[in-house]
C-alpha atoms as a PDB file:
ATOM      1  CA  MET A   1       0.470  57.597  42.421  1.00  0.00           C
ATOM      2  CA  ARG A   2       1.469  61.267  42.467  1.00  0.00           C
ATOM      3  CA  PHE A   3       4.052  60.522  45.143  1.00  0.00           C
ATOM      4  CA  ILE A   4       5.715  57.840  43.015  1.00  0.00           C
ATOM      5  CA  LEU A   5       5.670  60.092  39.957  1.00  0.00           C
ATOM      6  CA  GLY A   6       7.211  62.955  41.950  1.00  0.00           C
ATOM      7  CA  LEU A   7       9.830  60.639  43.383  1.00  0.00           C
ATOM      8  CA  LEU A   8      10.733  59.347  39.934  1.00  0.00           C
ATOM      9  CA  ILE A   9      11.027  62.866  38.525  1.00  0.00           C
ATOM     10  CA  GLY A  10      13.202  63.917  41.483  1.00  0.00           C
ATOM     11  CA  VAL A  11      15.535  60.970  41.004  1.00  0.00           C
ATOM     12  CA  CYS A  12      15.877  61.721  37.295  1.00  0.00           C
ATOM     13  CA  ILE A  13      16.638  65.383  37.950  1.00  0.00           C
ATOM     14  CA  GLY A  14      19.164  64.468  40.640  1.00  0.00           C
ATOM     15  CA  PHE A  15      20.896  61.977  38.390  1.00  0.00           C
ATOM     16  CA  ALA A  16      21.077  64.440  35.513  1.00  0.00           C
ATOM     17  CA  ALA A  17      22.468  67.156  37.804  1.00  0.00           C
ATOM     18  CA  SER A  18      25.099  64.830  39.246  1.00  0.00           C
ATOM     19  CA  VAL A  19      26.225  63.749  35.781  1.00  0.00           C
ATOM     20  CA  LEU A  20      26.482  67.341  34.594  1.00  0.00           C
ATOM     21  CA  LEU A  21      28.303  68.558  37.692  1.00  0.00           C
ATOM     22  CA  THR A  22      30.803  65.697  37.989  1.00  0.00           C
ATOM     23  CA  SER A  23      31.680  65.495  34.314  1.00  0.00           C
ATOM     24  CA  GLY A  24      33.459  68.869  34.527  1.00  0.00           C
ATOM     25  CA  LYS A  25      35.980  67.549  37.056  1.00  0.00           C
ATOM     26  CA  ASP A  26      37.473  64.961  34.698  1.00  0.00           C
ATOM     27  CA  GLU A  27      38.350  67.378  31.914  1.00  0.00           C
ATOM     28  CA  PRO A  28      41.963  67.275  30.734  1.00  0.00           C
ATOM     29  CA  SER A  29      44.067  70.371  31.319  1.00  0.00           C
ATOM     30  CA  GLY A  30      46.885  72.149  29.500  1.00  0.00           C
ATOM     31  CA  SER A  31      48.408  70.311  26.592  1.00  0.00           C
ATOM     32  CA  GLN A  32      45.977  67.426  26.982  1.00  0.00           C
ATOM     33  CA  ALA A  33      43.087  69.815  26.315  1.00  0.00           C
ATOM     34  CA  ALA A  34      44.790  71.105  23.174  1.00  0.00           C
ATOM     35  CA  GLU A  35      45.330  67.556  21.965  1.00  0.00           C
ATOM     36  CA  GLY A  36      41.714  66.741  22.775  1.00  0.00           C
ATOM     37  CA  ARG A  37      40.482  69.668  20.722  1.00  0.00           C
ATOM     38  CA  ALA A  38      42.762  68.584  17.896  1.00  0.00           C
ATOM     39  CA  ASN A  39      41.288  65.099  17.988  1.00  0.00           C
ATOM     40  CA  GLY A  40      37.811  66.419  18.658  1.00  0.00           C
ATOM     41  CA  THR A  41      36.751  63.311  20.540  1.00  0.00           C
ATOM     42  CA  SER A  42      39.178  62.834  23.427  1.00  0.00           C
ATOM     43  CA  ALA A  43      37.149  64.771  25.997  1.00  0.00           C
ATOM     44  CA  GLY A  44      33.920  63.110  24.895  1.00  0.00           C
ATOM     45  CA  LYS A  45      35.411  59.647  25.126  1.00  0.00           C
ATOM     46  CA  SER A  46      36.873  60.256  28.573  1.00  0.00           C
ATOM     47  CA  ALA A  47      33.558  61.623  29.857  1.00  0.00           C
ATOM     48  CA  PHE A  48      31.666  58.680  28.395  1.00  0.00           C
ATOM     49  CA  SER A  49      34.127  56.134  29.792  1.00  0.00           C
ATOM     50  CA  GLY A  50      33.819  57.702  33.239  1.00  0.00           C
ATOM     51  CA  LEU A  51      30.041  57.476  33.080  1.00  0.00           C
ATOM     52  CA  ARG A  52      30.251  53.912  31.841  1.00  0.00           C
ATOM     53  CA  GLU A  53      32.486  52.923  34.776  1.00  0.00           C
ATOM     54  CA  GLN A  54      30.083  54.518  37.257  1.00  0.00           C
ATOM     55  CA  PHE A  55      27.143  52.772  35.615  1.00  0.00           C
ATOM     56  CA  ASP A  56      28.868  49.380  35.652  1.00  0.00           C
ATOM     57  CA  GLU A  57      29.794  49.792  39.320  1.00  0.00           C
ATOM     58  CA  ALA A  58      26.238  50.782  40.236  1.00  0.00           C
ATOM     59  CA  MET A  59      24.792  47.844  38.305  1.00  0.00           C
ATOM     60  CA  GLY A  60      27.171  45.436  40.018  1.00  0.00           C
ATOM     61  CA  GLU A  61      26.130  46.703  43.438  1.00  0.00           C
ATOM     62  CA  ALA A  62      22.447  46.536  42.480  1.00  0.00           C
ATOM     63  CA  LYS A  63      22.753  42.942  41.288  1.00  0.00           C
ATOM     64  CA  LYS A  64      24.557  41.980  44.494  1.00  0.00           C
ATOM     65  CA  ALA A  65      21.804  43.582  46.580  1.00  0.00           C
ATOM     66  CA  GLN A  66      19.172  41.787  44.494  1.00  0.00           C
ATOM     67  CA  ARG A  67      20.799  38.390  45.062  1.00  0.00           C
ATOM     68  CA  GLU A  68      21.062  39.011  48.802  1.00  0.00           C
ATOM     69  CA  ALA A  69      17.414  40.084  49.015  1.00  0.00           C
ATOM     70  CA  GLU A  70      16.272  37.033  47.054  1.00  0.00           C
ATOM     71  CA  GLU A  71      18.270  34.726  49.324  1.00  0.00           C
ATOM     72  CA  LYS A  72      16.780  36.295  52.449  1.00  0.00           C
ATOM     73  CA  MET A  73      13.229  36.087  51.104  1.00  0.00           C
ATOM     74  CA  THR A  74      13.727  32.469  50.053  1.00  0.00           C
ATOM     75  CA  GLU A  75      15.063  31.614  53.501  1.00  0.00           C
ATOM     76  CA  ARG A  76      12.093  33.301  55.202  1.00  0.00           C
ATOM     77  CA  TYR A  77       9.661  31.500  52.909  1.00  0.00           C
ATOM     78  CA  ARG A  78      11.236  28.127  53.630  1.00  0.00           C
ATOM     79  CA  LYS A  79      11.075  28.772  57.384  1.00  0.00           C
ATOM     80  CA  ILE A  80       7.400  29.725  57.203  1.00  0.00           C
ATOM     81  CA  VAL A  81       6.307  26.920  54.887  1.00  0.00           C
ATOM     82  CA  GLY A  82       8.643  24.354  56.399  1.00  0.00           C
ATOM     83  CA  ARG A  83      10.097  23.117  53.119  1.00  0.00           C
ATOM     84  CA  PRO A  84      13.662  21.821  53.206  1.00  0.00           C
ATOM     85  CA  ASP A  85      16.318  23.176  50.857  1.00  0.00           C
ATOM     86  CA  LYS A  86      16.453  21.500  47.482  1.00  0.00           C
END
């Protein structure tokens, strides 16, 4: 149980660090930064949209992996039990 808890905490810390470190790379420069400060929300919106895109991509890959795993397990089960496909 301690191992799983430690693993979960490590993943959370790693995710938080990666978000904090990569969000600085997408900041606008020069006149775009001045416009962003004038608007007050431009930098925040661009950072949030970048995170949202990463999240959507990760979720898409996770769902694809889930479907593939379910198909493989179903195929193994049918081979073991001997039931034909429905």
